[in-house]
Amino acid sequence: MEIVARALVVFVFLWFVTRVVGRSTLGELSTFQLVLFVTMGDMVQQGVTQQDYSVTAAVLAVGTFATATIFLTWVNARFPRARAVVHGVPVVVVADGEPSFEVMKRERVSLDDLMEAARQNGIERIADVRLAVLETTGQLSFFTQSGADPHRPVDRPER
């Protein structure tokens, strides 16, 4: 039972750390995928090389992480209000061509990161963006103004 308690403590700690680190650094992995993938290999390795109590301990630890992940997924599906805490909420970083520097600072997204993501989506000017949303996965979604001229030079908004 001690192993299950330790695994739960580590799971909660790693979940908290990934939430604090911020979604812009996570890329396409969800928080729980990152936590599970990073720790699972180490826990199994400890059990296999007998640095831990046994292979049973590794199975219990990995099983606890998997169960906690499934539980949080169930909570997310069953209780919509919990989504903000469990997975976070998308935030608007550009509205009507104007970046929200306050939101970008809070989410640790630089103007250069925003411009790079826009260019990767074929957008030359931030002024052409009607709405840019930082998704819970760390990806940026862009919605452009209708009738934007894609041939205008790239602009860099003033701070």
Protein backbone atom coordinates (compact mmCIF):
# COMPACT_ATOMS: atom_id res chain seq x y z
CA MET A 1 0.00 0.00 0.00
CA GLU A 2 2.96 2.29 0.62
CA ILE A 3 3.92 2.06 -3.06
CA VAL A 4 0.44 3.14 -4.17
CA ALA A 5 0.56 6.12 -1.79
CA ARG A 6 4.03 7.10 -3.04
CA ALA A 7 2.90 6.78 -6.65
CA LEU A 8 -0.13 8.99 -6.00
CA VAL A 9 2.02 11.63 -4.31
CA VAL A 10 4.47 11.64 -7.22
CA PHE A 11 1.62 11.72 -9.75
CA VAL A 12 -0.01 14.75 -8.08
CA PHE A 13 3.35 16.49 -7.79
CA LEU A 14 4.25 15.91 -11.45
CA TRP A 15 0.75 16.97 -12.55
CA PHE A 16 1.16 20.20 -10.57
CA VAL A 17 4.62 20.84 -12.04
CA THR A 18 3.37 20.37 -15.60
CA ARG A 19 0.49 22.78 -14.93
CA VAL A 20 2.91 25.39 -13.52
CA VAL A 21 5.42 24.98 -16.36
CA GLY A 22 2.72 26.09 -18.77
CA ARG A 23 1.04 24.79 -21.83
CA SER A 24 3.25 26.58 -24.32
CA THR A 25 6.16 24.32 -23.36
CA LEU A 26 4.19 21.10 -23.60
CA GLY A 27 3.62 21.18 -27.35
CA GLU A 28 1.28 18.48 -28.52
CA LEU A 29 1.42 16.14 -25.52
CA SER A 30 -1.33 16.46 -22.95
CA THR A 31 -0.22 16.99 -19.37
CA PHE A 32 -1.12 13.46 -18.41
CA GLN A 33 0.60 11.89 -21.39
CA LEU A 34 3.78 13.75 -20.51
CA VAL A 35 3.63 12.72 -16.85
CA LEU A 36 2.83 9.13 -17.69
CA PHE A 37 5.51 8.74 -20.38
CA VAL A 38 8.28 10.40 -18.40
CA THR A 39 7.74 8.47 -15.19
CA MET A 40 6.58 5.09 -16.46
CA GLY A 41 9.93 4.13 -17.92
CA ASP A 42 11.79 5.04 -14.75
CA MET A 43 9.37 3.17 -12.49
CA VAL A 44 9.55 0.04 -14.60
CA GLN A 45 13.35 0.28 -14.76
CA GLN A 46 13.58 0.42 -10.97
CA GLY A 47 11.46 -2.70 -10.62
CA VAL A 48 13.32 -4.61 -13.29
CA THR A 49 16.79 -3.78 -11.93
CA GLN A 50 15.63 -4.43 -8.35
CA GLN A 51 16.44 -0.91 -7.20
CA ASP A 52 12.91 -0.91 -5.85
CA TYR A 53 11.20 -3.58 -3.79
CA SER A 54 10.18 -5.81 -6.70
CA VAL A 55 8.61 -6.07 -10.12
CA THR A 56 5.30 -6.04 -8.26
CA ALA A 57 6.17 -2.59 -6.91
CA ALA A 58 6.80 -1.29 -10.43
CA VAL A 59 3.52 -2.78 -11.66
CA LEU A 60 1.66 -1.22 -8.73
CA ALA A 61 3.26 2.19 -9.33
CA VAL A 62 2.54 2.19 -13.07
CA GLY A 63 -0.96 0.86 -12.42
CA THR A 64 -1.58 3.65 -9.92
CA PHE A 65 -0.48 6.27 -12.45
CA ALA A 66 -2.68 4.73 -15.14
CA THR A 67 -5.65 4.56 -12.76
CA ALA A 68 -5.15 8.18 -11.68
CA THR A 69 -4.98 9.24 -15.34
CA ILE A 70 -8.17 7.34 -16.16
CA PHE A 71 -9.87 8.82 -13.09
CA LEU A 72 -8.95 12.38 -14.07
CA THR A 73 -10.15 11.72 -17.62
CA TRP A 74 -13.46 10.46 -16.20
CA VAL A 75 -13.74 13.53 -13.94
CA ASN A 76 -13.06 15.73 -16.98
CA ALA A 77 -15.83 14.02 -18.98
CA ARG A 78 -18.35 13.80 -16.15
CA PHE A 79 -17.91 17.23 -14.53
CA PRO A 80 -17.44 20.04 -17.07
CA ARG A 81 -16.50 22.54 -14.35
CA ALA A 82 -13.49 20.41 -13.43
CA ARG A 83 -11.97 20.78 -16.91
CA ALA A 84 -10.45 24.15 -16.07
CA VAL A 85 -8.54 22.64 -13.16
CA VAL A 86 -7.70 19.26 -14.71
CA HIS A 87 -6.76 20.29 -18.25
CA GLY A 88 -6.91 24.09 -18.31
CA VAL A 89 -8.89 26.33 -20.63
CA PRO A 90 -8.01 27.84 -24.00
CA VAL A 91 -7.09 31.53 -23.82
CA VAL A 92 -7.29 34.27 -26.45
CA VAL A 93 -3.87 35.76 -27.20
CA VAL A 94 -4.84 37.91 -30.21
CA ALA A 95 -8.19 39.62 -30.76
CA ASP A 96 -8.93 41.73 -33.83
CA GLY A 97 -5.27 41.88 -34.84
CA GLU A 98 -4.06 43.08 -31.43
CA PRO A 99 -1.94 40.75 -29.28
CA SER A 100 -2.85 40.63 -25.59
CA PHE A 101 0.57 41.08 -24.06
CA GLU A 102 -0.80 40.62 -20.54
CA VAL A 103 -2.21 37.18 -21.44
CA MET A 104 0.93 36.29 -23.39
CA LYS A 105 3.11 37.20 -20.40
CA ARG A 106 0.93 35.14 -18.04
CA GLU A 107 1.08 32.13 -20.40
CA ARG A 108 4.79 32.69 -21.14
CA VAL A 109 4.31 33.08 -24.89
CA SER A 110 6.72 35.53 -26.48
CA LEU A 111 5.85 37.74 -29.42
CA ASP A 112 8.48 35.86 -31.43
CA ASP A 113 6.74 32.55 -30.63
CA LEU A 114 3.42 34.03 -31.71
CA MET A 115 4.87 35.39 -34.95
CA GLU A 116 6.56 32.04 -35.71
CA ALA A 117 3.32 30.12 -35.18
CA ALA A 118 1.47 32.61 -37.40
CA ARG A 119 4.05 32.21 -40.18
CA GLN A 120 3.80 28.42 -39.91
CA ASN A 121 0.07 28.83 -40.52
CA GLY A 122 0.68 31.01 -43.59
CA ILE A 123 -0.16 34.28 -41.83
CA GLU A 124 2.17 37.17 -42.59
CA ARG A 125 0.66 39.92 -40.46
CA ILE A 126 -0.70 39.70 -36.93
CA ALA A 127 -3.08 42.49 -37.95
CA ASP A 128 -4.77 39.95 -40.26
CA VAL A 129 -5.59 37.66 -37.33
CA ARG A 130 -9.16 38.00 -36.12
CA LEU A 131 -8.56 35.59 -33.25
CA ALA A 132 -5.61 33.52 -31.99
CA VAL A 133 -6.21 31.00 -29.22
CA LEU A 134 -3.63 29.22 -27.11
CA GLU A 135 -5.16 25.77 -26.77
CA THR A 136 -4.81 23.54 -23.71
CA THR A 137 -2.34 21.40 -25.70
CA GLY A 138 0.02 24.34 -26.17
CA GLN A 139 -0.84 24.78 -29.86
CA LEU A 140 -1.94 28.13 -31.26
CA SER A 141 -5.10 28.25 -33.40
CA PHE A 142 -5.51 31.18 -35.78
CA PHE A 143 -8.63 32.63 -37.38
CA THR A 144 -7.95 35.31 -39.97
CA GLN A 145 -9.88 38.35 -41.05
CA SER A 146 -12.00 37.78 -44.13
CA GLY A 147 -10.55 39.59 -47.10
CA ALA A 148 -7.04 39.90 -45.65
CA ASP A 149 -4.37 40.60 -48.24
CA PRO A 150 -1.76 37.82 -47.88
CA HIS A 151 0.77 39.83 -49.90
CA ARG A 152 1.18 42.69 -47.44
CA PRO A 153 4.54 42.71 -45.61
CA VAL A 154 4.94 41.10 -42.20
CA ASP A 155 4.29 43.50 -39.33
CA ARG A 156 5.48 43.39 -35.77
CA PRO A 157 3.02 44.95 -33.30
CA GLU A 158 4.31 47.56 -30.88
CA ARG A 159 4.40 46.61 -27.22
